[in-house]
Amino acid sequence: MNQNHNPYEPDHAENPEVNKNADRVPDGCPKTAHKIIAVTPGSIGEEMEVEAGDYLLEVNGEVITDIFDYQFLIEDTYVTILIRKADGEEWELEIDKDESEDLGLVFENSLMDEYHSCRNKCIFCFIDQMPPGMRPTLYFKDDDSRLSFLQGNYITLTNMTDADIDRIIRFHLAPINISVHTTNPELRCRMLSNRFAGDSLDKIRRLYEAEIPMNGQIVLCKGVNDGKELERSIQDLLAYAPYMQSVSVVPVGLTKFREGLYPLEPFTKEDAASVISLIRRYQKQAYDQYGIHFIHASDEWYILAEEELPEAEVYDGYIQYENGVGMVRMFKDDLTEALSRIEVNEKKGKVTLVTAKLIYPTICWAAERMQEKFPNMELSCVCITNHFFGERITVTGLLTGQDIYEQLKGLELGDYVILPSQVLKADEDIFLDDWTLSDLQKALQVEIRIVKSNGMGFIETVTGTDRSR
């Protein structure tokens, strides 16, 4: 749910308060120095006897502002770097290398700079709708352009200066993922609660003129930026094609913690059908003009409207997959293809598949297809209602350990329970509410297996034939 500030910590996941001082430097070392915490074995850095604990001071005589400066400067075939050793001695190292060959230096701060937090107070921000008392990193709102390139985050551009845009153009950094929401400048200022938010739209024009590939995102709020405003936004952004490669439209996520926030209402089945109809019309126009479908509705719209999802080719290579665009279609097609390569199997077992409301019909469909090839397996699907955030939140990635436990306890769960990987933090077996996977297994007294997202991985995990286990 990138569109509403994903409440999972991003991949950089350091505590933002700690991160501000991540590059503390010793006395006598300039504040612009960057601490090296590791050197890749066999790399140029190791060959030059750079070590963990050293500091990088300069590259080619230039002070390094952040990771982009560093990566740009080390692309040359001849590079000089200034290193401060732990004993205070400074080494100037001359390096001949292949173009774009990395030096193998790993820095304490992955951005080599502080993370930029969001300056907006969007009327739809998910973080503003979270309950108190959760771990601090879940409340950090990032709006850092560098994370757009490094991790695919969507940014509003309101944190960016003209100099930042100049640097993107100079380095030809791409693609840049932009949270547009509306191309009406006055409305954008109101939606982002930032009087400069409308000015940021001119940055899109500059990026287009520099032929920088972009992707856009519109979080749709009922009665705010939908209807005629949505049509205006699509028309305006289509004018930036083909460098604006794609735009996703996703419905706002609404938790039960909205007291004192802008009054927003959920979309209805009829609303979803109207959104899909508008998008289909502009997909045809975009395809006729540019050979791409350009504007994409997230899967939630089709499920809410009870309409069939588009075929795979409509998703233009699933460029907006991380925004929930095409996930169901890809999974269905992948599972169907994988099952076609499997003979009927006599394996026996009883398994419980756990999911949330949005994807529940798809998981039930998958279980039915699976039992055609595994007729002796009993596959039960359980839909978990999100009491933690509120019943309007229907995506699997926002389920908590406590909701899963409360709704599974007392059920006959069989040999093991299957959970999708989205319920856990990317690099740790922990749920949003700080329950751990181990906590849940102990509480339920049953083995829990985390399912892979691809078709064959799903089959192997559900049937217990996962060769990687």
Protein backbone atom coordinates (compact mmCIF):
# COMPACT_ATOMS: atom_id res chain seq x y z
CA MET A 1 0.00 0.00 0.00
CA ASN A 2 2.62 2.41 -1.13
CA GLN A 3 -0.06 4.96 -1.87
CA ASN A 4 -0.80 5.87 1.74
CA HIS A 5 2.65 5.69 3.30
CA ASN A 6 3.17 1.96 3.84
CA PRO A 7 3.14 1.40 7.60
CA TYR A 8 5.87 -1.18 7.28
CA GLU A 9 9.29 0.32 7.70
CA PRO A 10 10.92 0.83 4.30
CA ASP A 11 14.00 -1.13 3.33
CA HIS A 12 16.25 1.50 4.92
CA ALA A 13 14.36 0.75 8.20
CA GLU A 14 16.85 2.42 10.53
CA ASN A 15 15.15 4.38 13.27
CA PRO A 16 14.96 7.90 11.82
CA GLU A 17 16.04 9.45 15.10
CA VAL A 18 19.11 7.23 15.25
CA ASN A 19 19.76 7.66 11.57
CA LYS A 20 20.28 11.40 11.91
CA ASN A 21 23.56 10.68 13.66
CA ALA A 22 24.49 7.55 11.74
CA ASP A 23 27.62 9.13 10.29
CA ARG A 24 29.10 10.50 13.54
CA VAL A 25 32.74 11.25 12.85
CA PRO A 26 35.76 11.29 15.18
CA ASP A 27 37.56 14.47 16.21
CA GLY A 28 39.55 16.02 13.40
CA CYS A 29 37.47 14.33 10.70
CA PRO A 30 35.21 16.56 8.55
CA LYS A 31 31.47 16.23 9.10
CA THR A 32 31.09 15.33 5.43
CA ALA A 33 33.09 12.12 5.98
CA HIS A 34 31.30 8.82 5.53
CA LYS A 35 32.08 5.84 7.71
CA ILE A 36 32.81 2.55 5.98
CA ILE A 37 31.40 -0.42 7.90
CA ALA A 38 32.39 -3.21 5.49
CA VAL A 39 34.45 -3.86 2.36
CA THR A 40 33.27 -6.50 -0.12
CA PRO A 41 35.72 -9.42 -0.36
CA GLY A 42 37.61 -9.45 -3.64
CA SER A 43 36.64 -5.86 -4.45
CA ILE A 44 38.81 -2.93 -5.46
CA GLY A 45 38.41 -1.53 -1.96
CA GLU A 46 39.86 -4.66 -0.39
CA GLU A 47 42.71 -4.67 -2.91
CA MET A 48 43.50 -1.06 -1.94
CA GLU A 49 43.51 -2.09 1.77
CA VAL A 50 40.48 -0.01 2.70
CA GLU A 51 39.02 -1.41 5.92
CA ALA A 52 35.88 -1.26 8.03
CA GLY A 53 36.21 1.73 10.35
CA ASP A 54 37.87 3.92 7.72
CA TYR A 55 36.18 7.11 6.49
CA LEU A 56 35.68 8.27 2.92
CA LEU A 57 36.49 11.99 2.66
CA GLU A 58 36.44 12.78 -1.07
CA VAL A 59 36.08 11.28 -4.53
CA ASN A 60 37.96 12.98 -7.38
CA GLY A 61 38.57 15.91 -5.07
CA GLU A 62 34.87 16.45 -4.41
CA VAL A 63 33.04 16.18 -1.09
CA ILE A 64 30.26 13.60 -1.23
CA THR A 65 26.78 14.84 -0.34
CA ASP A 66 24.96 11.52 -0.66
CA ILE A 67 24.89 8.16 -2.41
CA PHE A 68 24.06 9.69 -5.79
CA ASP A 69 27.15 11.90 -5.77
CA TYR A 70 29.22 8.87 -4.84
CA GLN A 71 27.77 6.55 -7.49
CA PHE A 72 28.04 9.20 -10.20
CA LEU A 73 31.68 10.03 -9.42
CA ILE A 74 32.93 6.45 -9.19
CA GLU A 75 31.58 5.55 -12.64
CA ASP A 76 34.73 6.91 -14.28
CA THR A 77 37.50 4.53 -15.33
CA TYR A 78 40.04 6.58 -13.35
CA VAL A 79 39.06 7.57 -9.82
CA THR A 80 40.90 9.05 -6.86
CA ILE A 81 39.52 8.61 -3.36
CA LEU A 82 40.68 10.18 -0.11
CA ILE A 83 40.46 7.83 2.86
CA ARG A 84 41.02 8.62 6.55
CA LYS A 85 42.34 5.58 8.41
CA ALA A 86 41.43 4.75 11.99
CA ASP A 87 44.76 6.16 13.24
CA GLY A 88 44.05 9.50 11.55
CA GLU A 89 46.37 8.96 8.60
CA GLU A 90 44.97 10.05 5.22
CA TRP A 91 45.50 7.99 2.07
CA GLU A 92 44.90 9.26 -1.44
CA LEU A 93 44.25 6.20 -3.61
CA GLU A 94 44.41 6.25 -7.40
CA ILE A 95 42.23 3.62 -9.04
CA ASP A 96 42.06 2.38 -12.64
CA LYS A 97 38.96 0.28 -13.20
CA ASP A 98 36.24 -0.72 -15.62
CA GLU A 99 33.48 1.81 -16.22
CA SER A 100 30.70 1.49 -13.60
CA GLU A 101 32.72 -1.10 -11.62
CA ASP A 102 31.91 -0.72 -7.94
CA LEU A 103 34.57 -0.12 -5.29
CA GLY A 104 32.97 -2.52 -2.82
CA LEU A 105 32.61 0.01 0.00
CA VAL A 106 29.63 -0.37 2.34
CA PHE A 107 28.68 2.75 4.31
CA GLU A 108 27.12 3.09 7.74
CA ASN A 109 24.30 5.14 6.25
CA SER A 110 22.98 3.64 3.03
CA LEU A 111 22.02 7.09 1.68
CA MET A 112 25.21 8.74 2.98
CA ASP A 113 22.92 11.48 4.25
CA GLU A 114 19.93 12.04 6.53
CA TYR A 115 16.57 10.73 5.32
CA HIS A 116 14.16 13.45 4.26
CA SER A 117 10.82 13.28 6.02
CA CYS A 118 7.54 14.35 4.48
CA ARG A 119 6.57 18.02 4.76
CA ASN A 120 2.95 17.43 3.81
CA LYS A 121 -0.11 16.54 5.86
CA CYS A 122 -2.09 14.68 3.23
CA ILE A 123 -5.79 14.24 3.90
CA PHE A 124 -5.42 10.51 3.10
CA CYS A 125 -2.12 9.76 4.89
CA PHE A 126 -2.19 6.26 6.35
CA ILE A 127 0.30 7.06 9.10
CA ASP A 128 -2.02 9.72 10.50
CA GLN A 129 -4.66 6.96 10.78
CA MET A 130 -2.58 4.60 12.90
CA PRO A 131 -3.19 3.99 16.60
CA PRO A 132 -0.70 5.23 19.19
CA GLY A 133 1.78 2.95 20.88
CA MET A 134 3.27 1.20 17.87
CA ARG A 135 7.04 1.02 17.26
CA PRO A 136 8.48 4.47 16.42
CA THR A 137 9.75 3.61 12.94
CA LEU A 138 6.18 2.98 11.76
CA TYR A 139 5.37 6.68 12.21
CA PHE A 140 8.24 7.97 10.05
CA LYS A 141 6.93 9.58 6.85
CA ASP A 142 9.59 9.48 4.17
CA ASP A 143 9.37 11.65 1.07
CA ASP A 144 12.96 11.25 -0.09
CA SER A 145 13.60 11.42 -3.82
CA ARG A 146 16.62 9.16 -3.48
CA LEU A 147 14.42 6.33 -2.19
CA SER A 148 12.35 6.68 -5.35
CA PHE A 149 15.34 5.50 -7.38
CA LEU A 150 16.82 3.09 -4.86
CA GLN A 151 13.67 1.38 -3.59
CA GLY A 152 10.83 2.48 -5.87
CA ASN A 153 9.12 4.70 -3.27
CA TYR A 154 6.60 7.24 -4.53
CA ILE A 155 7.33 10.86 -3.65
CA THR A 156 5.35 14.09 -3.88
CA LEU A 157 8.25 16.29 -5.16
CA THR A 158 7.40 18.88 -2.48
CA ASN A 159 10.74 18.19 -0.75
CA MET A 160 12.69 18.85 -3.92
CA THR A 161 14.36 22.08 -4.99
CA ASP A 162 15.18 23.16 -8.53
CA ALA A 163 18.77 22.13 -7.76
CA ASP A 164 17.53 18.63 -6.92
CA ILE A 165 15.77 18.42 -10.27
CA ASP A 166 18.91 19.69 -11.99
CA ARG A 167 20.89 16.89 -10.37
CA ILE A 168 18.40 14.22 -11.45
CA ILE A 169 18.63 15.51 -15.01
CA ARG A 170 22.44 15.73 -14.86
CA PHE A 171 22.81 12.17 -13.52
CA HIS A 172 19.84 10.98 -15.63
CA LEU A 173 18.46 9.13 -12.62
CA ALA A 174 15.44 7.05 -13.50
CA PRO A 175 12.74 6.11 -13.12
CA ILE A 176 11.33 8.60 -10.66
CA ASN A 177 8.05 7.56 -9.05
CA ILE A 178 5.71 10.45 -8.32
CA SER A 179 2.67 10.68 -6.04
CA VAL A 180 0.65 13.07 -8.19
CA HIS A 181 -2.91 12.61 -6.83
CA THR A 182 -4.21 15.50 -8.94
CA THR A 183 -2.92 17.87 -11.59
CA ASN A 184 -5.19 20.66 -10.37
CA PRO A 185 -2.66 22.91 -8.53
CA GLU A 186 -5.18 24.39 -6.08
CA LEU A 187 -6.70 21.01 -5.28
CA ARG A 188 -3.23 19.46 -4.82
CA CYS A 189 -2.38 22.16 -2.26
CA ARG A 190 -5.55 21.28 -0.34
CA MET A 191 -5.05 17.52 -0.55
CA LEU A 192 -1.43 17.70 0.61
CA SER A 193 -2.08 20.58 3.05
CA ASN A 194 0.94 22.31 1.57
CA ARG A 195 0.64 25.69 -0.14
CA PHE A 196 3.60 24.85 -2.39
CA ALA A 197 2.28 21.48 -3.55
CA GLY A 198 0.82 22.93 -6.76
CA ASP A 199 4.19 24.36 -7.76
CA SER A 200 5.69 20.87 -7.71
CA LEU A 201 3.72 19.94 -10.83
CA ASP A 202 6.08 22.10 -12.88
CA LYS A 203 8.88 19.71 -11.88
CA ILE A 204 7.08 16.94 -13.79
CA ARG A 205 7.22 19.10 -16.91
CA ARG A 206 10.95 19.65 -16.45
CA LEU A 207 11.57 15.93 -16.05
CA TYR A 208 9.49 15.24 -19.15
CA GLU A 209 11.44 17.78 -21.20
CA ALA A 210 14.67 16.11 -20.03
CA GLU A 211 13.25 12.73 -21.12
CA ILE A 212 13.48 11.26 -17.62
CA PRO A 213 11.30 8.11 -17.28
CA MET A 214 8.57 8.53 -14.65
CA ASN A 215 5.69 6.62 -13.10
CA GLY A 216 2.74 8.29 -11.43
CA GLN A 217 0.27 7.43 -8.73
CA ILE A 218 -3.15 8.81 -7.82
CA VAL A 219 -4.69 8.02 -4.43
CA LEU A 220 -8.37 8.54 -5.15
CA CYS A 221 -10.55 10.15 -2.48
CA LYS A 222 -14.30 10.12 -2.94
CA GLY A 223 -15.74 13.55 -3.68
CA VAL A 224 -12.27 15.13 -3.78
CA ASN A 225 -10.12 14.13 -6.76
CA ASP A 226 -12.41 11.64 -8.49
CA GLY A 227 -14.89 12.18 -11.34
CA LYS A 228 -14.03 15.18 -13.50
CA GLU A 229 -10.87 15.86 -11.48
CA LEU A 230 -9.62 12.34 -12.15
CA GLU A 231 -10.33 12.75 -15.85
CA ARG A 232 -8.41 16.03 -15.87
CA SER A 233 -5.44 14.40 -14.15
CA ILE A 234 -5.38 11.51 -16.61
CA GLN A 235 -5.52 13.89 -19.58
CA ASP A 236 -2.77 16.11 -18.19
CA LEU A 237 -0.45 13.21 -17.36
CA LEU A 238 -1.06 11.50 -20.68
CA ALA A 239 0.46 14.56 -22.32
CA TYR A 240 3.75 13.54 -20.66
CA ALA A 241 3.75 10.06 -22.22
CA PRO A 242 5.79 8.11 -23.16
CA TYR A 243 8.30 9.41 -20.54
CA MET A 244 5.50 9.23 -18.02
CA GLN A 245 5.36 5.47 -18.48
CA SER A 246 2.42 4.58 -16.28
CA VAL A 247 -0.04 5.95 -13.75
CA SER A 248 -1.88 3.88 -11.15
CA VAL A 249 -5.19 4.81 -9.53
CA VAL A 250 -5.69 3.32 -6.06
CA PRO A 251 -8.54 3.86 -3.59
CA VAL A 252 -7.76 5.60 -0.32
CA GLY A 253 -7.30 3.29 2.66
CA LEU A 254 -9.45 4.28 5.65
CA THR A 255 -8.81 2.95 9.15
CA LYS A 256 -11.04 3.41 12.19
CA PHE A 257 -8.60 5.94 13.66
CA ARG A 258 -9.76 9.04 11.78
CA GLU A 259 -11.05 11.26 14.56
CA GLY A 260 -10.18 14.88 13.81
CA LEU A 261 -9.02 14.08 10.26
CA TYR A 262 -10.52 15.15 6.96
CA PRO A 263 -13.90 13.42 6.46
CA LEU A 264 -13.44 10.76 3.80
CA GLU A 265 -15.93 8.10 2.74
CA PRO A 266 -15.30 4.64 1.25
CA PHE A 267 -16.07 3.95 -2.39
CA THR A 268 -19.08 1.85 -3.39
CA LYS A 269 -19.45 -0.85 -6.02
CA GLU A 270 -20.99 1.71 -8.38
CA ASP A 271 -18.11 4.14 -7.77
CA ALA A 272 -15.60 1.41 -8.62
CA ALA A 273 -17.40 0.57 -11.85
CA SER A 274 -17.28 4.25 -12.88
CA VAL A 275 -13.55 4.48 -12.17
CA ILE A 276 -12.88 1.34 -14.23
CA SER A 277 -15.00 2.62 -17.12
CA LEU A 278 -13.08 5.92 -17.22
CA ILE A 279 -9.73 4.16 -17.07
CA ARG A 280 -10.65 1.74 -19.87
CA ARG A 281 -11.54 4.66 -22.10
CA TYR A 282 -8.16 6.32 -21.62
CA GLN A 283 -6.30 3.02 -21.86
CA LYS A 284 -7.66 2.66 -25.39
CA GLN A 285 -6.62 6.21 -26.26
CA ALA A 286 -3.14 5.73 -24.81
CA TYR A 287 -2.65 2.42 -26.59
CA ASP A 288 -3.73 3.86 -29.93
CA GLN A 289 -1.38 6.81 -29.48
CA TYR A 290 1.65 5.36 -27.68
CA GLY A 291 1.30 1.58 -27.71
CA ILE A 292 0.98 1.44 -23.91
CA HIS A 293 -2.11 1.26 -21.70
CA PHE A 294 -0.63 3.96 -19.44
CA ILE A 295 -3.40 4.36 -16.84
CA HIS A 296 -4.11 1.42 -14.53
CA ALA A 297 -6.72 0.65 -11.87
CA SER A 298 -5.47 -1.28 -8.86
CA ASP A 299 -6.96 -4.72 -8.24
CA GLU A 300 -9.17 -3.36 -5.46
CA TRP A 301 -11.37 -1.53 -7.97
CA TYR A 302 -12.17 -4.69 -9.95
CA ILE A 303 -12.83 -6.72 -6.81
CA LEU A 304 -15.09 -4.00 -5.38
CA ALA A 305 -16.95 -3.64 -8.70
CA GLU A 306 -17.18 -7.44 -9.01
CA GLU A 307 -15.71 -7.24 -12.50
CA GLU A 308 -13.21 -9.48 -14.25
CA LEU A 309 -9.60 -8.36 -14.08
CA PRO A 310 -7.86 -7.37 -17.32
CA GLU A 311 -5.71 -9.88 -19.17
CA ALA A 312 -1.95 -9.84 -18.54
CA GLU A 313 -1.06 -7.78 -21.63
CA VAL A 314 -3.08 -4.81 -20.35
CA TYR A 315 -0.65 -4.36 -17.44
CA ASP A 316 2.27 -3.37 -19.71
CA GLY A 317 4.71 -5.72 -18.02
CA TYR A 318 3.24 -5.15 -14.54
CA ILE A 319 5.10 -1.86 -14.15
CA GLN A 320 2.74 -0.81 -11.31
CA TYR A 321 2.75 -4.20 -9.54
CA GLU A 322 3.97 -2.77 -6.21
CA ASN A 323 0.91 -0.52 -6.11
CA GLY A 324 -1.40 -3.52 -6.20
CA VAL A 325 -1.92 -3.32 -9.97
CA GLY A 326 -2.08 -6.75 -11.57
CA MET A 327 -1.12 -8.81 -8.52
CA VAL A 328 -4.22 -11.00 -8.77
CA ARG A 329 -3.91 -11.50 -12.53
CA MET A 330 -0.24 -12.44 -12.27
CA PHE A 331 -0.91 -14.88 -9.42
CA LYS A 332 -3.82 -16.55 -11.22
CA ASP A 333 -1.93 -16.92 -14.47
CA ASP A 334 1.20 -18.14 -12.71
CA LEU A 335 -0.70 -20.70 -10.63
CA THR A 336 -2.65 -21.94 -13.65
CA GLU A 337 0.56 -22.41 -15.62
CA ALA A 338 2.30 -24.16 -12.73
CA LEU A 339 -0.61 -26.54 -12.13
CA SER A 340 -0.64 -27.46 -15.82
CA ARG A 341 2.82 -28.98 -15.33
CA ILE A 342 1.78 -31.15 -12.37
CA GLU A 343 0.28 -34.64 -12.50
CA VAL A 344 -2.52 -35.66 -10.14
CA ASN A 345 -0.91 -36.35 -6.76
CA GLU A 346 -2.20 -38.65 -4.00
CA LYS A 347 -0.57 -36.67 -1.19
CA LYS A 348 -2.76 -36.33 1.91
CA GLY A 349 -2.98 -33.51 4.44
CA LYS A 350 -5.14 -30.84 6.07
CA VAL A 351 -4.00 -27.24 5.63
CA THR A 352 -5.50 -23.86 6.59
CA LEU A 353 -4.92 -20.92 4.22
CA VAL A 354 -5.18 -17.54 5.96
CA THR A 355 -5.84 -14.29 4.12
CA ALA A 356 -7.76 -11.00 4.29
CA LYS A 357 -11.07 -9.98 2.75
CA LEU A 358 -9.77 -8.41 -0.45
CA ILE A 359 -7.89 -11.44 -1.70
CA TYR A 360 -10.08 -14.10 -0.04
CA PRO A 361 -12.07 -15.01 -3.20
CA THR A 362 -8.79 -15.46 -5.10
CA ILE A 363 -7.35 -17.75 -2.42
CA CYS A 364 -10.58 -19.80 -2.44
CA TRP A 365 -10.26 -20.07 -6.22
CA ALA A 366 -6.63 -21.17 -5.83
CA ALA A 367 -7.60 -23.83 -3.27
CA GLU A 368 -10.23 -25.24 -5.64
CA ARG A 369 -7.73 -25.40 -8.52
CA MET A 370 -5.18 -27.04 -6.23
CA GLN A 371 -7.57 -29.77 -5.12
CA GLU A 372 -8.07 -30.82 -8.73
CA LYS A 373 -4.43 -31.98 -8.68
CA PHE A 374 -4.28 -32.89 -4.97
CA PRO A 375 -7.73 -34.47 -4.36
CA ASN A 376 -6.73 -36.06 -1.03
CA MET A 377 -5.66 -32.78 0.53
CA GLU A 378 -8.16 -30.78 2.57
CA LEU A 379 -7.56 -27.07 2.02
CA SER A 380 -9.56 -24.67 4.20
CA CYS A 381 -9.56 -20.90 3.60
CA VAL A 382 -10.05 -18.50 6.51
CA CYS A 383 -10.77 -14.80 5.98
CA ILE A 384 -9.37 -12.60 8.76
CA THR A 385 -11.28 -9.42 9.54
CA ASN A 386 -9.03 -6.49 10.38
CA HIS A 387 -10.23 -5.39 13.82
CA PHE A 388 -6.89 -3.71 14.61
CA PHE A 389 -7.17 -1.02 11.90
CA GLY A 390 -10.90 -1.37 11.24
CA GLU A 391 -13.03 -3.47 8.93
CA ARG A 392 -12.58 -1.09 6.00
CA ILE A 393 -8.97 -2.22 5.75
CA THR A 394 -9.14 -5.38 3.65
CA VAL A 395 -5.58 -5.92 2.36
CA THR A 396 -3.56 -8.87 3.62
CA GLY A 397 -0.40 -6.82 4.25
CA LEU A 398 -2.10 -4.96 7.11
CA LEU A 399 -3.20 -7.98 9.13
CA THR A 400 -1.80 -8.19 12.66
CA GLY A 401 -0.71 -11.13 14.77
CA GLN A 402 -3.38 -10.54 17.36
CA ASP A 403 -6.23 -10.49 14.81
CA ILE A 404 -4.96 -13.69 13.23
CA TYR A 405 -4.69 -15.38 16.62
CA GLU A 406 -8.11 -14.29 17.88
CA GLN A 407 -9.85 -15.52 14.72
CA LEU A 408 -7.96 -18.81 14.40
CA LYS A 409 -7.93 -19.97 18.03
CA GLY A 410 -10.35 -22.79 18.64
CA LEU A 411 -10.47 -23.81 14.96
CA GLU A 412 -9.28 -27.18 13.71
CA LEU A 413 -6.26 -25.92 11.79
CA GLY A 414 -4.89 -29.21 10.53
CA ASP A 415 -1.25 -30.02 9.91
CA TYR A 416 -0.09 -26.45 9.41
CA VAL A 417 -1.25 -22.91 8.65
CA ILE A 418 -0.23 -20.95 5.56
CA LEU A 419 0.37 -17.19 5.86
CA PRO A 420 1.37 -14.84 3.01
CA SER A 421 4.75 -13.16 3.34
CA GLN A 422 3.12 -9.69 3.19
CA VAL A 423 1.97 -9.94 6.82
CA LEU A 424 5.57 -9.84 8.05
CA LYS A 425 8.21 -7.14 7.99
CA ALA A 426 10.50 -7.61 5.00
CA ASP A 427 13.63 -8.53 6.93
CA GLU A 428 12.17 -9.87 10.18
CA ASP A 429 9.47 -12.32 11.33
CA ILE A 430 7.40 -9.63 13.02
CA PHE A 431 3.85 -8.37 12.47
CA LEU A 432 2.73 -4.74 12.56
CA ASP A 433 1.56 -5.08 16.16
CA ASP A 434 4.95 -6.51 17.24
CA TRP A 435 3.70 -10.07 17.54
CA THR A 436 6.39 -12.37 16.19
CA LEU A 437 5.83 -15.42 14.02
CA SER A 438 7.15 -17.50 16.92
CA ASP A 439 4.60 -15.88 19.28
CA LEU A 440 1.76 -16.82 16.94
CA GLN A 441 2.94 -20.41 16.48
CA LYS A 442 3.23 -20.92 20.23
CA ALA A 443 -0.19 -19.38 20.88
CA LEU A 444 -1.93 -21.50 18.24
CA GLN A 445 0.17 -24.62 18.87
CA VAL A 446 0.50 -25.25 15.14
CA GLU A 447 3.25 -24.92 12.56
CA ILE A 448 3.01 -21.80 10.39
CA ARG A 449 4.53 -21.67 6.94
CA ILE A 450 5.08 -18.52 4.93
CA VAL A 451 3.91 -18.86 1.34
CA LYS A 452 5.80 -17.70 -1.70
CA SER A 453 4.02 -15.37 -4.12
CA ASN A 454 4.68 -17.24 -7.37
CA GLY A 455 2.56 -20.13 -8.62
CA MET A 456 4.97 -23.02 -8.09
CA GLY A 457 6.13 -21.59 -4.78
CA PHE A 458 2.50 -21.45 -3.64
CA ILE A 459 1.93 -25.08 -4.64
CA GLU A 460 5.10 -26.31 -2.96
CA THR A 461 4.46 -24.46 0.32
CA VAL A 462 0.78 -25.44 0.55
CA THR A 463 1.43 -29.08 -0.23
CA GLY A 464 4.56 -29.35 1.89
CA THR A 465 6.76 -30.21 -1.08
CA ASP A 466 8.85 -27.04 -0.89
CA ARG A 467 12.30 -28.16 -2.02
CA SER A 468 13.95 -25.13 -0.36
CA ARG A 469 12.73 -26.09 3.12
